[in-house]
N, C-alpha and C. Protein backbone atom coordinates (compact mmCIF):
# COMPACT_ATOMS: atom_id res chain seq x y z
N MET A 1 -21.47 -90.10 -16.55
CA MET A 1 -21.42 -91.38 -15.87
C MET A 1 -20.39 -92.32 -16.80
N PRO A 2 -19.92 -93.17 -16.44
CA PRO A 2 -18.52 -93.76 -17.14
C PRO A 2 -19.12 -94.61 -18.56
N ALA A 3 -18.40 -94.72 -19.54
CA ALA A 3 -18.96 -95.45 -20.83
C ALA A 3 -18.85 -96.60 -20.39
N ASP A 4 -17.41 -97.19 -19.93
CA ASP A 4 -17.83 -98.41 -19.72
C ASP A 4 -17.86 -99.22 -18.54
N TYR A 5 -18.97 -100.00 -17.73
CA TYR A 5 -19.40 -99.99 -16.68
C TYR A 5 -18.54 -101.88 -16.39
N GLY A 6 -18.15 -102.39 -17.62
CA GLY A 6 -17.44 -103.80 -16.94
C GLY A 6 -17.48 -104.58 -18.37
N LYS A 7 -17.13 -105.67 -18.41
CA LYS A 7 -16.97 -106.46 -19.33
C LYS A 7 -18.48 -107.03 -20.13
N SER A 8 -18.82 -107.87 -19.00
CA SER A 8 -19.95 -108.78 -19.36
C SER A 8 -21.38 -107.71 -19.36
N ALA A 9 -22.31 -108.29 -20.18
CA ALA A 9 -23.21 -107.66 -19.36
C ALA A 9 -23.88 -107.76 -17.98
N LYS A 10 -23.60 -109.07 -17.31
CA LYS A 10 -23.84 -109.05 -15.85
C LYS A 10 -23.22 -107.86 -14.83
N ALA A 11 -21.70 -107.77 -15.15
CA ALA A 11 -21.02 -106.82 -14.70
C ALA A 11 -21.60 -105.29 -15.02
N LYS A 12 -22.10 -104.94 -15.93
CA LYS A 12 -22.51 -103.89 -16.46
C LYS A 12 -23.52 -103.49 -15.90
N ALA A 13 -24.31 -104.45 -15.72
CA ALA A 13 -25.66 -104.48 -14.81
C ALA A 13 -25.71 -104.21 -13.63
N THR A 14 -24.34 -104.95 -13.00
CA THR A 14 -24.14 -104.80 -11.29
C THR A 14 -23.89 -103.23 -11.16
N LYS A 15 -22.99 -102.88 -11.86
CA LYS A 15 -22.23 -101.59 -11.80
C LYS A 15 -23.33 -100.53 -11.86
N LEU A 16 -24.08 -100.53 -12.92
CA LEU A 16 -25.24 -99.47 -12.82
C LEU A 16 -26.31 -99.64 -11.93
N HIS A 17 -26.71 -100.92 -11.18
CA HIS A 17 -27.50 -100.81 -10.17
C HIS A 17 -26.90 -100.22 -8.99
N SER A 18 -25.37 -100.50 -9.00
CA SER A 18 -24.80 -99.77 -7.66
C SER A 18 -24.46 -98.65 -7.78
N LEU A 19 -24.82 -97.86 -8.94
CA LEU A 19 -24.67 -96.28 -9.59
C LEU A 19 -26.37 -95.98 -8.92
N TYR A 20 -27.13 -96.49 -9.39
CA TYR A 20 -28.71 -96.51 -9.47
C TYR A 20 -28.70 -96.44 -7.70
N VAL A 21 -28.30 -96.99 -6.79
CA VAL A 21 -28.80 -97.42 -5.49
C VAL A 21 -28.03 -95.99 -4.83
N ARG A 22 -26.97 -95.88 -5.11
CA ARG A 22 -26.34 -94.91 -4.39
C ARG A 22 -26.32 -93.58 -4.83
N THR A 23 -27.17 -93.23 -6.10
CA THR A 23 -27.39 -91.97 -6.38
C THR A 23 -29.16 -91.78 -5.98
N ARG A 24 -30.04 -92.78 -6.25
CA ARG A 24 -31.02 -92.76 -5.44
C ARG A 24 -31.36 -92.61 -4.28
N ASP A 25 -30.52 -92.57 -3.24
CA ASP A 25 -30.18 -92.42 -1.72
C ASP A 25 -28.96 -91.60 -1.57
N ASN A 26 -28.94 -90.49 -2.96
CA ASN A 26 -28.09 -89.47 -2.38
C ASN A 26 -26.90 -89.34 -1.88
N PHE A 27 -25.87 -90.66 -2.43
CA PHE A 27 -24.47 -91.15 -1.67
C PHE A 27 -24.98 -90.89 0.11
N THR A 28 -25.44 -91.15 0.41
CA THR A 28 -25.38 -91.10 2.05
C THR A 28 -26.19 -92.75 2.55
N CYS A 29 -25.47 -92.72 3.82
CA CYS A 29 -25.53 -94.03 4.43
C CYS A 29 -27.04 -93.98 5.10
N ARG A 30 -28.24 -94.87 4.80
CA ARG A 30 -29.34 -95.51 5.17
C ARG A 30 -29.34 -95.35 6.70
N TRP A 31 -28.28 -96.00 7.03
CA TRP A 31 -28.17 -96.44 8.39
C TRP A 31 -27.42 -95.53 9.65
N CYS A 32 -26.28 -94.87 9.04
CA CYS A 32 -25.89 -93.95 10.36
C CYS A 32 -25.85 -92.39 9.44
N GLY A 33 -25.87 -92.24 8.43
CA GLY A 33 -26.15 -91.01 7.64
C GLY A 33 -24.99 -90.14 7.15
N VAL A 34 -24.20 -91.07 7.43
CA VAL A 34 -23.00 -90.38 6.49
C VAL A 34 -23.02 -89.85 5.18
N THR A 35 -22.31 -89.04 4.89
CA THR A 35 -22.17 -88.91 3.12
C THR A 35 -20.92 -89.36 2.44
N LYS A 36 -21.09 -89.24 1.11
CA LYS A 36 -19.84 -89.23 0.12
C LYS A 36 -18.98 -88.07 0.62
N GLU A 37 -20.16 -86.81 0.64
CA GLU A 37 -19.29 -85.35 1.06
C GLU A 37 -18.42 -85.40 2.19
N SER A 38 -18.64 -86.26 3.09
CA SER A 38 -17.84 -86.37 4.60
C SER A 38 -16.18 -87.33 4.52
N GLY A 39 -16.21 -87.79 3.12
CA GLY A 39 -15.06 -88.64 2.75
C GLY A 39 -15.23 -90.11 2.76
N LYS A 40 -16.51 -90.52 3.35
CA LYS A 40 -16.87 -91.78 3.45
C LYS A 40 -17.16 -92.00 2.44
N GLN A 41 -16.83 -94.07 1.97
CA GLN A 41 -17.30 -94.46 1.05
C GLN A 41 -18.38 -95.07 0.95
N ILE A 42 -19.77 -94.66 0.25
CA ILE A 42 -20.59 -94.81 0.06
C ILE A 42 -20.93 -96.53 -0.87
N GLN A 43 -21.41 -97.42 -0.39
CA GLN A 43 -21.75 -98.99 -0.57
C GLN A 43 -22.83 -99.56 -1.44
N CYS A 44 -22.90 -100.10 -2.50
CA CYS A 44 -24.59 -100.48 -2.48
C CYS A 44 -24.82 -101.82 -1.73
N ALA A 45 -25.70 -102.11 -1.12
CA ALA A 45 -25.93 -103.09 0.24
C ALA A 45 -27.03 -104.18 -0.15
N HIS A 46 -26.73 -104.77 -0.51
CA HIS A 46 -28.00 -105.60 -0.93
C HIS A 46 -28.60 -106.62 -0.01
N ILE A 47 -30.40 -106.55 0.45
CA ILE A 47 -31.03 -107.04 1.16
C ILE A 47 -30.91 -108.81 0.89
N ILE A 48 -31.05 -109.15 -0.15
CA ILE A 48 -31.24 -110.26 -0.68
C ILE A 48 -29.76 -110.64 -1.03
N SER A 49 -29.12 -111.84 -1.17
CA SER A 49 -27.82 -112.05 -1.82
C SER A 49 -27.58 -111.53 -3.34
N ARG A 50 -26.68 -110.68 -3.50
CA ARG A 50 -26.71 -110.68 -4.87
C ARG A 50 -26.22 -111.86 -5.97
N SER A 51 -26.18 -113.36 -4.89
CA SER A 51 -25.91 -114.51 -5.83
C SER A 51 -27.31 -115.17 -6.38
N ILE A 52 -28.20 -114.53 -5.72
CA ILE A 52 -29.63 -114.71 -6.58
C ILE A 52 -29.90 -113.59 -7.90
N SER A 53 -29.97 -114.30 -9.22
CA SER A 53 -30.06 -113.48 -10.25
C SER A 53 -31.42 -112.59 -10.18
N ALA A 54 -32.44 -113.36 -9.84
CA ALA A 54 -33.69 -112.32 -9.83
C ALA A 54 -33.89 -111.55 -9.03
N THR A 55 -33.08 -111.01 -8.48
CA THR A 55 -32.93 -109.86 -7.57
C THR A 55 -31.77 -108.99 -7.44
N ARG A 56 -30.95 -109.68 -8.19
CA ARG A 56 -29.83 -109.10 -8.16
C ARG A 56 -29.32 -107.43 -8.29
N THR A 57 -30.09 -107.05 -9.47
CA THR A 57 -30.08 -105.97 -9.95
C THR A 57 -31.56 -105.12 -9.60
N ASP A 58 -32.02 -105.83 -9.15
CA ASP A 58 -33.49 -105.07 -8.35
C ASP A 58 -33.49 -103.80 -7.39
N GLU A 59 -33.80 -102.19 -7.96
CA GLU A 59 -33.49 -101.47 -7.03
C GLU A 59 -34.38 -101.50 -5.68
N ARG A 60 -35.00 -102.36 -5.57
CA ARG A 60 -35.80 -102.35 -4.56
C ARG A 60 -35.04 -103.03 -3.26
N ASN A 61 -33.73 -104.50 -3.93
CA ASN A 61 -33.29 -105.05 -3.43
C ASN A 61 -31.79 -104.58 -2.72
N ALA A 62 -31.80 -103.34 -2.62
CA ALA A 62 -30.55 -102.49 -1.95
C ALA A 62 -30.52 -101.32 -1.59
N LEU A 63 -29.93 -101.08 -0.18
CA LEU A 63 -29.71 -99.32 -0.14
C LEU A 63 -28.35 -99.56 0.17
N ALA A 64 -27.99 -97.92 0.17
CA ALA A 64 -26.70 -97.22 -0.01
C ALA A 64 -26.16 -97.52 1.75
N LEU A 65 -24.89 -97.77 1.77
CA LEU A 65 -24.86 -97.83 3.48
C LEU A 65 -22.96 -97.53 3.30
N CYS A 66 -22.96 -96.80 4.40
CA CYS A 66 -21.28 -96.42 4.43
C CYS A 66 -20.62 -97.68 4.50
N ALA A 67 -19.35 -98.11 3.98
CA ALA A 67 -18.26 -99.14 4.74
C ALA A 67 -18.37 -99.66 5.63
N SER A 68 -18.36 -98.63 6.41
CA SER A 68 -18.49 -99.18 8.25
C SER A 68 -19.76 -100.16 8.56
N CYS A 69 -20.82 -99.15 8.45
CA CYS A 69 -22.25 -99.53 8.59
C CYS A 69 -22.53 -101.20 7.60
N HIS A 70 -21.88 -101.13 6.13
CA HIS A 70 -22.12 -102.40 5.61
C HIS A 70 -21.77 -103.55 6.16
N TRP A 71 -20.33 -103.30 6.39
CA TRP A 71 -19.72 -104.54 7.19
C TRP A 71 -20.24 -104.56 8.81
N ALA A 72 -20.52 -104.08 9.37
CA ALA A 72 -21.66 -103.99 10.72
C ALA A 72 -22.82 -104.83 10.56
N GLN A 73 -23.18 -104.57 9.00
CA GLN A 73 -24.65 -105.68 9.14
C GLN A 73 -24.42 -107.03 8.73
N SER A 74 -23.49 -106.87 7.72
CA SER A 74 -22.93 -108.17 7.61
C SER A 74 -22.68 -108.94 8.63
N LYS A 75 -21.80 -108.53 9.72
CA LYS A 75 -21.63 -109.51 10.81
C LYS A 75 -23.09 -109.44 11.91
N ASN A 76 -24.18 -108.79 11.72
CA ASN A 76 -25.03 -108.58 12.56
C ASN A 76 -26.39 -109.20 11.73
N PRO A 77 -26.30 -110.19 11.07
CA PRO A 77 -27.77 -110.45 10.24
C PRO A 77 -29.13 -110.49 10.93
N LEU A 78 -29.12 -110.16 12.39
CA LEU A 78 -30.37 -110.51 13.15
C LEU A 78 -30.65 -108.69 12.87
N VAL A 79 -29.53 -108.21 13.67
CA VAL A 79 -29.88 -106.72 13.70
C VAL A 79 -30.37 -105.81 12.38
N TRP A 80 -29.82 -106.40 11.43
CA TRP A 80 -29.93 -105.90 9.82
C TRP A 80 -31.30 -106.16 9.72
N ALA A 81 -31.58 -107.22 9.71
CA ALA A 81 -33.08 -107.74 9.53
C ALA A 81 -34.07 -107.11 10.07
N ARG A 82 -34.04 -106.60 11.40
CA ARG A 82 -34.95 -105.96 12.49
C ARG A 82 -34.90 -104.41 11.77
N TRP A 83 -33.60 -104.10 11.23
CA TRP A 83 -33.92 -102.85 11.05
C TRP A 83 -34.37 -102.58 9.93
N LEU A 84 -34.03 -103.61 8.60
CA LEU A 84 -34.44 -103.38 7.38
C LEU A 84 -36.07 -103.76 7.80
N GLU A 85 -36.41 -104.25 8.55
CA GLU A 85 -38.55 -104.80 8.66
C GLU A 85 -39.04 -103.39 9.18
N LYS A 86 -37.91 -102.13 9.82
CA LYS A 86 -38.50 -101.20 10.91
C LYS A 86 -38.62 -100.13 9.95
N GLU A 87 -37.24 -100.25 8.71
CA GLU A 87 -37.04 -99.34 7.34
C GLU A 87 -37.96 -99.61 6.64
N LEU A 88 -38.08 -100.57 5.95
CA LEU A 88 -39.09 -100.75 4.41
C LEU A 88 -40.65 -101.56 5.15
N GLY A 89 -40.67 -101.78 6.13
CA GLY A 89 -42.39 -102.57 6.40
C GLY A 89 -41.55 -104.18 6.23
N ARG A 90 -42.63 -104.55 6.70
CA ARG A 90 -42.78 -106.34 6.57
C ARG A 90 -43.56 -106.88 4.94
N LYS A 91 -44.40 -105.87 4.87
CA LYS A 91 -44.94 -106.08 3.44
C LYS A 91 -43.98 -106.09 2.52
N PHE A 92 -43.32 -105.09 2.14
CA PHE A 92 -41.84 -105.04 1.39
C PHE A 92 -41.00 -106.28 1.43
N LEU A 93 -40.77 -106.28 2.64
CA LEU A 93 -39.97 -107.75 2.50
C LEU A 93 -40.23 -108.93 2.20
N ASP A 94 -41.43 -109.29 2.39
CA ASP A 94 -42.13 -110.59 2.09
C ASP A 94 -42.44 -110.32 0.24
N GLU A 95 -42.76 -109.19 -0.23
CA GLU A 95 -42.65 -108.96 -1.70
C GLU A 95 -41.20 -109.77 -2.02
N LEU A 96 -40.48 -108.53 -1.79
CA LEU A 96 -38.82 -109.14 -2.13
C LEU A 96 -38.69 -110.30 -2.11
N LEU A 97 -38.62 -111.39 -1.04
CA LEU A 97 -39.04 -112.63 -0.88
C LEU A 97 -39.37 -113.44 -1.83
N GLU A 98 -40.70 -112.83 -1.97
CA GLU A 98 -41.27 -113.97 -3.42
C GLU A 98 -40.47 -113.60 -4.74
N ARG A 99 -39.88 -112.42 -4.68
CA ARG A 99 -39.33 -112.12 -6.10
C ARG A 99 -37.68 -112.84 -5.88
N GLY A 100 -37.28 -112.88 -4.79
CA GLY A 100 -36.22 -113.45 -4.73
C GLY A 100 -35.38 -114.98 -4.66
N VAL A 101 -36.37 -115.76 -5.55
CA VAL A 101 -35.83 -116.86 -6.07
C VAL A 101 -34.97 -117.49 -6.98
N PRO A 102 -33.99 -118.47 -6.13
CA PRO A 102 -33.06 -119.05 -7.36
C PRO A 102 -33.84 -119.61 -8.50
N GLY A 103 -32.68 -119.36 -9.71
CA GLY A 103 -32.65 -120.31 -10.97
C GLY A 103 -33.74 -119.50 -11.69
N VAL A 104 -33.83 -118.21 -11.57
CA VAL A 104 -34.46 -117.31 -12.36
C VAL A 104 -33.62 -116.84 -13.46
N LYS A 105 -33.71 -116.92 -14.61
CA LYS A 105 -32.63 -116.66 -15.72
C LYS A 105 -33.29 -114.87 -15.98
N VAL A 106 -32.14 -114.42 -15.97
CA VAL A 106 -32.18 -112.37 -16.62
C VAL A 106 -31.18 -112.55 -17.66
N ASP A 107 -32.20 -111.78 -18.48
CA ASP A 107 -31.25 -111.08 -19.76
C ASP A 107 -30.71 -109.95 -19.44
N TRP A 108 -29.47 -109.86 -19.30
CA TRP A 108 -28.22 -108.91 -18.53
C TRP A 108 -28.46 -107.85 -19.59
N ASN A 109 -28.58 -108.39 -20.93
CA ASN A 109 -28.43 -106.69 -21.76
C ASN A 109 -29.83 -106.10 -21.58
N ASP A 110 -31.04 -106.47 -21.20
CA ASP A 110 -32.05 -105.79 -21.13
C ASP A 110 -31.88 -105.36 -20.02
N GLU A 111 -31.36 -105.72 -18.78
CA GLU A 111 -31.20 -104.77 -17.55
C GLU A 111 -30.31 -104.25 -17.71
N VAL A 112 -29.30 -103.73 -18.22
CA VAL A 112 -28.52 -102.94 -18.98
C VAL A 112 -29.06 -101.96 -19.32
N ASP A 113 -29.95 -101.82 -20.63
CA ASP A 113 -30.71 -100.85 -21.04
C ASP A 113 -32.18 -100.73 -19.93
N ARG A 114 -32.49 -101.16 -19.18
CA ARG A 114 -33.62 -100.72 -18.25
C ARG A 114 -32.62 -100.33 -17.30
N LEU A 115 -31.53 -100.15 -16.14
CA LEU A 115 -31.19 -99.47 -15.72
C LEU A 115 -30.46 -98.21 -16.23
N LYS A 116 -30.01 -98.26 -17.18
CA LYS A 116 -29.55 -96.55 -18.22
C LYS A 116 -30.87 -96.14 -18.01
N ILE A 117 -32.10 -96.48 -18.37
CA ILE A 117 -33.29 -95.35 -18.27
C ILE A 117 -33.63 -95.10 -16.89
N ALA A 118 -33.23 -95.87 -15.89
CA ALA A 118 -34.07 -95.54 -14.73
C ALA A 118 -32.86 -94.45 -13.93
N LEU A 119 -31.34 -95.12 -14.24
CA LEU A 119 -30.66 -93.97 -13.73
C LEU A 119 -30.63 -92.82 -14.52
N ASP A 120 -31.04 -92.56 -15.51
CA ASP A 120 -31.09 -91.42 -16.41
C ASP A 120 -32.18 -90.29 -15.74
N ALA A 121 -33.24 -91.00 -15.63
CA ALA A 121 -34.74 -90.73 -14.95
C ALA A 121 -34.48 -89.94 -13.37
N LEU A 122 -32.94 -90.29 -12.91
CA LEU A 122 -33.39 -90.00 -11.62
C LEU A 122 -32.54 -88.53 -11.43
N PRO A 123 -33.19 -87.68 -10.29
CA PRO A 123 -32.44 -86.50 -9.96
C PRO A 123 -31.21 -86.60 -9.60
N TYR A 124 -30.46 -86.09 -10.15
CA TYR A 124 -28.45 -86.24 -9.35
C TYR A 124 -28.47 -84.98 -8.84
N SER A 125 -28.27 -85.25 -7.58
CA SER A 125 -27.65 -84.41 -6.56
C SER A 125 -26.43 -84.48 -6.04
N GLN A 126 -25.29 -85.14 -6.98
CA GLN A 126 -24.20 -84.99 -6.49
C GLN A 126 -22.82 -84.62 -7.10
């Protein structure tokens, strides 16, 4: 794991979150199944916009997608929404929406610490 994740605590938490999600999903696109090993770039795709601080670094608010699928879902939000509901379930999405409210203050230093612990607890397979 890199020693320097970013300059601000928010940037560090964001980078740790991305690494957590991609590691959790085994660096495999949840939509099409391609992997990092096949040479594809695997990205962290947020369900609720990362502009909402309350869920920006919530592990439940993102999936690993290859760059192509990430682009495609951003261009087809209704298809993405229907796929998410099928993949994750309506109850899961409803609970995520309840957490994703604007205006919530986040202690980004605490988030960095929490995410480091969570990342270290994942089995690393890549």
